[in-house]
Protein backbone atom coordinates (compact mmCIF):
# COMPACT_ATOMS: atom_id res chain seq x y z
CA UNK A 1 11.65 8.80 25.43
CA UNK A 2 11.46 9.59 21.72
CA UNK A 3 10.31 6.02 21.00
CA UNK A 4 7.45 6.38 23.49
CA UNK A 5 6.43 9.67 21.90
CA UNK A 6 6.29 8.23 18.41
CA UNK A 7 4.42 5.16 19.65
CA UNK A 8 1.86 7.43 21.28
CA UNK A 9 1.56 9.52 18.13
CA UNK A 10 1.04 6.39 16.03
CA UNK A 11 -1.58 5.10 18.48
CA UNK A 12 -3.38 8.44 18.37
CA UNK A 13 -3.91 8.05 14.60
CA UNK A 14 -5.88 4.85 15.33
CA UNK A 15 -5.48 2.62 12.31
CA UNK A 16 -7.04 -0.28 14.18
CA UNK A 17 -9.86 -2.25 12.71
CA UNK A 18 -12.13 -2.65 15.69
CA UNK A 19 -14.12 -5.16 13.69
CA UNK A 20 -11.12 -6.64 11.92
CA UNK A 21 -12.94 -9.45 10.17
CA UNK A 22 -12.59 -10.18 6.50
CA UNK A 23 -15.83 -8.35 5.62
CA UNK A 24 -14.48 -5.09 7.07
CA UNK A 25 -11.15 -5.38 5.27
CA UNK A 26 -12.87 -6.28 1.98
CA UNK A 27 -15.26 -3.32 2.29
CA UNK A 28 -12.32 -0.95 2.79
CA UNK A 29 -10.49 -2.52 -0.16
CA UNK A 30 -13.55 -2.07 -2.40
CA UNK A 31 -13.93 1.59 -1.37
CA UNK A 32 -10.21 2.21 -1.95
CA UNK A 33 -10.26 0.68 -5.42
CA UNK A 34 -13.38 2.67 -6.35
CA UNK A 35 -11.63 5.88 -5.21
CA UNK A 36 -8.48 4.97 -7.14
CA UNK A 37 -10.25 4.16 -10.41
CA UNK A 38 -12.54 7.21 -10.22
CA UNK A 39 -9.74 9.68 -9.49
CA UNK A 40 -6.94 8.04 -11.50
CA UNK A 41 -8.59 6.24 -14.44
CA UNK A 42 -5.17 5.38 -15.88
CA UNK A 43 -4.79 2.81 -13.13
CA UNK A 44 -7.44 0.63 -14.75
CA UNK A 45 -4.83 -0.27 -17.40
CA UNK A 46 -2.56 -1.50 -14.61
CA UNK A 47 -5.44 -3.47 -13.09
CA UNK A 48 -6.24 -5.08 -16.43
CA UNK A 49 -2.62 -6.20 -17.02
CA UNK A 50 -1.84 -7.23 -13.43
CA UNK A 51 -1.98 -10.87 -12.31
CA UNK A 52 -2.70 -9.73 -8.74
CA UNK A 53 -3.05 -6.62 -6.57
CA UNK A 54 -2.25 -6.00 -2.93
CA UNK A 55 -4.57 -3.24 -1.72
CA UNK A 56 -3.71 -1.46 1.53
CA UNK A 57 -6.68 0.87 2.15
CA UNK A 58 -5.33 2.76 5.14
CA UNK A 59 -1.72 3.11 6.21
CA UNK A 60 -1.03 5.28 9.22
CA UNK A 61 2.48 6.69 9.35
CA UNK A 62 3.78 8.71 12.29
CA UNK A 63 7.09 9.72 13.71
CA UNK A 64 8.99 11.89 16.10
CA UNK A 65 12.63 11.02 15.48
CA UNK A 66 11.70 7.34 15.39
CA UNK A 67 8.62 6.40 13.51
CA UNK A 68 6.72 3.76 11.69
CA UNK A 69 3.65 2.82 9.76
CA UNK A 70 1.00 0.12 9.93
CA UNK A 71 -1.98 -1.02 7.94
CA UNK A 72 -4.04 -4.03 6.84
CA UNK A 73 -5.29 -5.01 3.43
CA UNK A 74 -6.09 -7.79 0.99
CA UNK A 75 -4.44 -9.56 -1.91
CA UNK A 76 -6.77 -9.92 -4.87
CA UNK A 77 -6.26 -12.32 -7.76
CA UNK A 78 -8.81 -12.41 -10.55
CA UNK A 79 -10.91 -9.86 -8.66
CA UNK A 80 -11.31 -12.10 -5.59
CA UNK A 81 -9.59 -11.80 -2.20
CA UNK A 82 -7.20 -14.72 -1.67
CA UNK A 83 -5.28 -13.56 1.45
CA UNK A 84 -5.07 -10.77 4.01
CA UNK A 85 -1.86 -8.91 4.87
CA UNK A 86 -0.48 -6.39 7.32
CA UNK A 87 2.16 -3.86 6.37
CA UNK A 88 4.73 -2.42 8.75
CA UNK A 89 7.60 -0.02 8.32
CA UNK A 90 10.09 1.48 10.76
CA UNK A 91 11.80 4.81 10.08
CA UNK A 92 14.51 6.84 11.74
CA UNK A 93 15.64 10.38 11.05
CA UNK A 94 14.43 13.94 11.08
CA UNK A 95 10.70 13.50 11.13
CA UNK A 96 7.73 14.72 13.06
CA UNK A 97 4.05 14.31 12.38
CA UNK A 98 1.62 11.82 10.97
CA UNK A 99 -0.16 11.05 7.72
CA UNK A 100 -2.56 8.48 6.39
CA UNK A 101 -2.55 7.15 2.88
CA UNK A 102 -3.40 4.11 0.79
CA UNK A 103 -1.37 2.13 -1.69
CA UNK A 104 -1.83 -0.62 -4.21
CA UNK A 105 0.90 -2.96 -5.42
CA UNK A 106 0.19 -4.25 -8.92
CA UNK A 107 1.93 -7.58 -9.56
CA UNK A 108 2.62 -7.61 -13.28
CA UNK A 109 4.15 -11.09 -13.54
CA UNK A 110 3.14 -14.46 -12.18
CA UNK A 111 6.68 -14.91 -10.84
CA UNK A 112 6.50 -11.70 -8.78
CA UNK A 113 3.11 -12.70 -7.39
CA UNK A 114 4.33 -16.22 -6.53
CA UNK A 115 7.43 -14.87 -4.77
CA UNK A 116 5.24 -12.52 -2.74
CA UNK A 117 2.73 -15.22 -1.76
CA UNK A 118 5.38 -17.82 -0.91
CA UNK A 119 7.56 -15.60 1.28
CA UNK A 120 7.11 -15.61 5.07
CA UNK A 121 7.45 -11.81 5.08
CA UNK A 122 7.99 -9.91 1.83
CA UNK A 123 9.78 -6.55 1.89
CA UNK A 124 9.33 -3.93 -0.80
CA UNK A 125 12.72 -3.10 -2.27
CA UNK A 126 14.39 -0.51 -4.40
CA UNK A 127 13.46 -2.39 -7.59
CA UNK A 128 9.82 -1.48 -7.08
CA UNK A 129 8.54 0.97 -9.73
CA UNK A 130 6.10 3.78 -8.93
CA UNK A 131 3.31 5.00 -11.16
CA UNK A 132 3.23 8.77 -10.90
CA UNK A 133 0.80 11.53 -11.74
CA UNK A 134 1.48 13.46 -14.91
CA UNK A 135 -0.66 15.64 -17.20
CA UNK A 136 -3.05 16.71 -14.47
CA UNK A 137 -4.66 13.79 -12.72
CA UNK A 138 -3.60 11.04 -15.14
CA UNK A 139 -1.46 8.25 -13.78
CA UNK A 140 1.05 6.92 -16.23
CA UNK A 141 2.88 3.64 -16.12
CA UNK A 142 2.57 2.44 -19.72
CA UNK A 143 6.31 2.19 -20.20
CA UNK A 144 6.71 0.36 -16.91
CA UNK A 145 4.09 -2.34 -17.31
CA UNK A 146 6.17 -4.53 -19.59
CA UNK A 147 9.42 -4.00 -17.66
CA UNK A 148 8.58 -3.99 -13.96
CA UNK A 149 7.35 -7.01 -12.03
CA UNK A 150 5.69 -4.85 -9.32
CA UNK A 151 4.28 -1.32 -9.68
CA UNK A 152 3.15 0.75 -6.70
CA UNK A 153 0.58 3.53 -6.63
CA UNK A 154 0.60 5.55 -3.38
CA UNK A 155 -2.30 7.96 -2.89
CA UNK A 156 -4.44 9.72 -0.33
CA UNK A 157 -7.79 11.44 -0.25
CA UNK A 158 -6.10 14.66 -1.39
CA UNK A 159 -4.28 13.05 -4.33
CA UNK A 160 -1.06 11.25 -5.01
CA UNK A 161 1.39 11.77 -2.16
CA UNK A 162 4.66 13.32 -3.31
CA UNK A 163 7.74 11.58 -2.04
CA UNK A 164 5.85 8.73 -0.36
CA UNK A 165 7.36 5.32 -0.90
CA UNK A 166 6.75 1.81 0.31
CA UNK A 167 10.41 0.81 0.13
CA UNK A 168 11.37 -1.03 3.28
CA UNK A 169 7.76 -1.93 4.05
CA UNK A 170 7.31 -5.50 5.22
CA UNK A 171 4.15 -7.39 4.30
CA UNK A 172 3.03 -10.36 6.37
CA UNK A 173 0.08 -12.69 5.79
CA UNK A 174 -2.49 -12.41 8.58
CA UNK A 175 -5.60 -14.28 9.61
CA UNK A 176 -8.19 -11.60 10.44
C-alpha cells in the first residue's frame, strides 16, 4: 500500500518528457547550465577544469515511506552532448513529500569520465565530493578540484538544496 502511494506521488510530480527527443533534453540542459552559471558564478571554474559534465536538469524525488527519484539529462564533453542518461534512486525510511531539483556532475579526470561512460550503469558513491555554498551565493570547490575525480552541485530554483545528495543514484545511458 505504501509503495502504491509513493508511486502515485512520484507520478503526480510528472517528470516525464512528453517530447523526449534530444532537442528537448538539450534545451533543458542549456537552460539549467545558464541558471547555474548566473546564480553560482563559482561553478564556471569547475566547468573550465572539468573534462566532462553530466547535467540532470530536472530530478523529481518523492516518497511516503518508500520513495524514489527520476530524471533525464545529457553528458557534455567539450561543450557538446555526447550521450543521454537517466538517473534513478530508491529510498526507504521516514519520508513524506516531493521535491524537484537539478544537479551537475563535474568529471575532473579523464579516468573518472571513462569509467562513467564505459559502465553499463554507474552509481554515485560515497567518494563523490559536493561543492557547497559559502559566503553568500558563492560556490566553492577550489580545494576539491585537484583531489576529487567527480564533484556534484545539487541545486534548485530556490538555491542550493541543503542535505540533498546523489549518493546511491544510478545513471544509465538512454536513447531518447
